[in-house]
N, C-alpha and C. Protein backbone atom coordinates (compact mmCIF):
# COMPACT_ATOMS: atom_id res chain seq x y z
N MET A 1 97.20 73.96 106.47
CA MET A 1 97.48 75.35 106.77
C MET A 1 96.55 76.22 105.95
N ALA A 2 95.60 76.84 106.59
CA ALA A 2 94.61 77.64 105.89
C ALA A 2 95.00 79.12 105.92
N GLY A 3 94.32 79.90 105.10
CA GLY A 3 94.55 81.33 105.11
C GLY A 3 95.58 81.75 104.08
N THR A 4 96.12 82.94 104.28
CA THR A 4 97.08 83.50 103.35
C THR A 4 98.42 82.78 103.47
N PRO A 5 99.02 82.43 102.33
CA PRO A 5 100.35 81.82 102.41
C PRO A 5 101.38 82.83 102.90
N ARG A 6 102.47 82.33 103.47
CA ARG A 6 103.49 83.24 103.99
C ARG A 6 104.15 84.04 102.87
N PHE A 7 104.42 83.40 101.73
CA PHE A 7 105.08 84.07 100.62
C PHE A 7 104.16 84.16 99.42
N LEU A 8 104.21 85.27 98.73
CA LEU A 8 103.37 85.53 97.58
C LEU A 8 104.23 85.76 96.34
N THR A 9 103.74 85.36 95.19
CA THR A 9 104.43 85.67 93.94
C THR A 9 104.17 87.14 93.61
N LEU A 10 104.93 87.67 92.66
CA LEU A 10 104.69 89.05 92.24
C LEU A 10 103.30 89.18 91.61
N ALA A 11 102.85 88.14 90.95
CA ALA A 11 101.49 88.16 90.38
C ALA A 11 100.44 88.22 91.48
N ASP A 12 100.68 87.48 92.58
CA ASP A 12 99.76 87.52 93.72
C ASP A 12 99.71 88.93 94.31
N VAL A 13 100.89 89.53 94.47
CA VAL A 13 100.97 90.89 95.03
C VAL A 13 100.26 91.86 94.11
N ALA A 14 100.47 91.71 92.80
CA ALA A 14 99.81 92.58 91.83
C ALA A 14 98.29 92.49 91.96
N GLU A 15 97.79 91.30 92.18
CA GLU A 15 96.35 91.12 92.34
C GLU A 15 95.85 91.82 93.60
N VAL A 16 96.58 91.68 94.69
CA VAL A 16 96.19 92.33 95.95
C VAL A 16 96.17 93.85 95.78
N LEU A 17 97.20 94.39 95.11
CA LEU A 17 97.31 95.84 94.94
C LEU A 17 96.53 96.36 93.74
N ASN A 18 95.93 95.44 92.99
CA ASN A 18 95.17 95.80 91.79
C ASN A 18 96.03 96.61 90.82
N THR A 19 97.20 96.06 90.53
CA THR A 19 98.13 96.68 89.60
C THR A 19 98.77 95.58 88.77
N SER A 20 99.77 95.90 87.97
CA SER A 20 100.40 94.91 87.11
C SER A 20 101.61 94.26 87.79
N SER A 21 101.96 93.09 87.32
CA SER A 21 103.16 92.41 87.82
C SER A 21 104.39 93.26 87.52
N ALA A 22 104.40 93.95 86.38
CA ALA A 22 105.53 94.82 86.02
C ALA A 22 105.69 95.95 87.04
N GLN A 23 104.58 96.51 87.50
CA GLN A 23 104.65 97.58 88.50
C GLN A 23 105.18 97.03 89.83
N VAL A 24 104.75 95.84 90.21
CA VAL A 24 105.24 95.23 91.45
C VAL A 24 106.73 94.94 91.32
N TYR A 25 107.17 94.43 90.17
CA TYR A 25 108.58 94.17 89.94
C TYR A 25 109.38 95.46 90.08
N ALA A 26 108.87 96.56 89.54
CA ALA A 26 109.54 97.85 89.66
C ALA A 26 109.64 98.29 91.12
N LEU A 27 108.59 98.08 91.90
CA LEU A 27 108.62 98.41 93.33
C LEU A 27 109.70 97.60 94.05
N VAL A 28 109.81 96.34 93.69
CA VAL A 28 110.83 95.47 94.30
C VAL A 28 112.22 95.93 93.89
N ARG A 29 112.44 96.17 92.62
CA ARG A 29 113.76 96.56 92.12
C ARG A 29 114.21 97.91 92.67
N ARG A 30 113.26 98.82 92.93
CA ARG A 30 113.59 100.12 93.52
C ARG A 30 113.78 100.03 95.03
N GLY A 31 113.47 98.87 95.62
CA GLY A 31 113.63 98.69 97.05
C GLY A 31 112.48 99.22 97.88
N GLU A 32 111.38 99.58 97.23
CA GLU A 32 110.21 100.09 97.94
C GLU A 32 109.41 98.96 98.59
N LEU A 33 109.45 97.79 97.99
CA LEU A 33 108.76 96.61 98.50
C LEU A 33 109.82 95.52 98.69
N VAL A 34 109.95 95.03 99.92
CA VAL A 34 110.97 94.03 100.25
C VAL A 34 110.54 92.67 99.70
N ALA A 35 111.48 92.01 99.01
CA ALA A 35 111.22 90.68 98.45
C ALA A 35 112.49 89.86 98.52
N ILE A 36 112.34 88.56 98.29
CA ILE A 36 113.49 87.67 98.21
C ILE A 36 113.47 86.96 96.87
N LYS A 37 114.64 86.52 96.45
CA LYS A 37 114.77 85.75 95.22
C LYS A 37 115.11 84.32 95.62
N ILE A 38 114.33 83.36 95.11
CA ILE A 38 114.55 81.96 95.52
C ILE A 38 114.70 81.07 94.29
N GLY A 39 115.28 79.93 94.52
CA GLY A 39 115.36 78.91 93.47
C GLY A 39 116.41 79.21 92.41
N GLY A 40 116.66 78.20 91.60
CA GLY A 40 117.65 78.31 90.54
C GLY A 40 117.29 79.34 89.48
N ARG A 41 116.00 79.55 89.28
CA ARG A 41 115.58 80.53 88.28
C ARG A 41 115.38 81.91 88.88
N GLY A 42 115.63 82.04 90.18
CA GLY A 42 115.56 83.34 90.82
C GLY A 42 114.16 83.94 90.82
N GLN A 43 113.19 83.18 91.25
CA GLN A 43 111.82 83.67 91.30
C GLN A 43 111.65 84.57 92.52
N TRP A 44 110.96 85.67 92.35
CA TRP A 44 110.74 86.63 93.42
C TRP A 44 109.56 86.20 94.28
N ARG A 45 109.71 86.40 95.59
CA ARG A 45 108.62 86.16 96.53
C ARG A 45 108.58 87.30 97.53
N VAL A 46 107.38 87.67 97.90
CA VAL A 46 107.15 88.74 98.88
C VAL A 46 106.45 88.12 100.07
N GLU A 47 107.03 88.32 101.24
CA GLU A 47 106.39 87.80 102.45
C GLU A 47 105.13 88.61 102.73
N ALA A 48 104.06 87.94 103.10
CA ALA A 48 102.77 88.60 103.33
C ALA A 48 102.91 89.74 104.33
N SER A 49 103.71 89.56 105.37
CA SER A 49 103.89 90.62 106.37
C SER A 49 104.59 91.84 105.77
N GLN A 50 105.51 91.61 104.83
CA GLN A 50 106.18 92.73 104.15
C GLN A 50 105.20 93.51 103.28
N LEU A 51 104.28 92.78 102.65
CA LEU A 51 103.25 93.44 101.84
C LEU A 51 102.36 94.30 102.73
N GLU A 52 101.97 93.77 103.89
CA GLU A 52 101.13 94.54 104.81
C GLU A 52 101.88 95.78 105.32
N ASP A 53 103.18 95.63 105.60
CA ASP A 53 103.99 96.79 106.01
C ASP A 53 104.05 97.83 104.90
N PHE A 54 104.22 97.37 103.66
CA PHE A 54 104.26 98.27 102.51
C PHE A 54 102.95 99.03 102.37
N ILE A 55 101.84 98.34 102.50
CA ILE A 55 100.52 98.98 102.39
C ILE A 55 100.35 100.03 103.49
N ALA A 56 100.74 99.68 104.71
CA ALA A 56 100.64 100.64 105.83
C ALA A 56 101.50 101.87 105.56
N LYS A 57 102.71 101.66 105.01
CA LYS A 57 103.59 102.79 104.69
C LYS A 57 102.96 103.67 103.61
N MET A 58 102.33 103.06 102.62
CA MET A 58 101.70 103.85 101.56
C MET A 58 100.54 104.68 102.11
N TYR A 59 99.78 104.12 103.06
CA TYR A 59 98.73 104.90 103.71
C TYR A 59 99.33 106.09 104.46
N ALA A 60 100.42 105.86 105.19
CA ALA A 60 101.07 106.94 105.94
C ALA A 60 101.62 108.00 105.00
N ASP A 61 102.28 107.55 103.91
CA ASP A 61 102.82 108.50 102.93
C ASP A 61 101.72 109.32 102.28
N THR A 62 100.60 108.68 101.98
CA THR A 62 99.48 109.38 101.37
C THR A 62 98.89 110.40 102.33
N LYS A 63 98.77 110.03 103.61
CA LYS A 63 98.27 110.98 104.61
C LYS A 63 99.19 112.19 104.72
N ASP A 64 100.50 111.94 104.74
CA ASP A 64 101.47 113.04 104.81
C ASP A 64 101.32 113.96 103.60
N PHE A 65 101.14 113.36 102.41
CA PHE A 65 100.98 114.15 101.20
C PHE A 65 99.71 115.00 101.26
N VAL A 66 98.61 114.38 101.67
CA VAL A 66 97.33 115.10 101.75
C VAL A 66 97.41 116.22 102.79
N ASP A 67 98.06 115.94 103.92
CA ASP A 67 98.21 116.97 104.96
C ASP A 67 99.06 118.14 104.45
N ALA A 68 100.07 117.85 103.63
CA ALA A 68 100.95 118.90 103.11
C ALA A 68 100.33 119.63 101.92
N HIS A 69 99.36 119.01 101.27
CA HIS A 69 98.72 119.59 100.08
C HIS A 69 97.20 119.51 100.24
N PRO A 70 96.64 120.27 101.17
CA PRO A 70 95.19 120.16 101.40
C PRO A 70 94.39 120.58 100.17
N TYR A 71 93.28 119.93 100.01
CA TYR A 71 92.37 120.27 98.92
C TYR A 71 91.55 121.47 99.35
N VAL A 72 91.62 122.52 98.55
CA VAL A 72 90.87 123.73 98.85
C VAL A 72 89.98 124.01 97.65
N GLU A 73 88.68 124.03 97.92
CA GLU A 73 87.77 124.32 96.82
C GLU A 73 87.88 125.78 96.45
N ALA A 74 87.78 126.05 95.18
CA ALA A 74 87.81 127.43 94.72
C ALA A 74 86.56 128.14 95.23
N GLU A 75 86.74 129.38 95.62
CA GLU A 75 85.59 130.14 96.08
C GLU A 75 84.67 130.43 94.89
N PRO A 76 83.38 130.39 95.11
CA PRO A 76 82.46 130.64 93.99
C PRO A 76 82.64 132.07 93.47
N ARG A 77 82.56 132.18 92.18
CA ARG A 77 82.69 133.49 91.54
C ARG A 77 81.41 134.28 91.73
N GLU A 78 81.58 135.55 91.93
CA GLU A 78 80.39 136.41 92.02
C GLU A 78 79.94 136.72 90.61
N GLU A 79 78.65 136.62 90.44
CA GLU A 79 78.13 136.92 89.11
C GLU A 79 77.98 138.43 88.96
N THR A 80 78.34 138.92 87.82
CA THR A 80 78.22 140.35 87.57
C THR A 80 76.89 140.63 86.91
N GLN A 81 76.35 141.79 87.25
CA GLN A 81 75.08 142.20 86.64
C GLN A 81 75.36 142.80 85.28
N PRO A 82 74.56 142.49 84.28
CA PRO A 82 74.76 143.05 82.93
C PRO A 82 74.47 144.53 82.88
């Protein structure tokens, strides 16, 4: 079975998102990123499709934010004559 595994560790997700495992854990605990707990030690796993859904949602949320808060350059100041 080649390609991306179906389930990723929090460390794997952190690498994909270029963030820390602690930040990914916080996303999971807040319910922003769907994950499951498996095994006797309760290790967290994130399904690859859930990660892709999360990324798509973050793009949509960012677009909504940018649309609601457009960047407007300050108008150039007129120089006064001495």
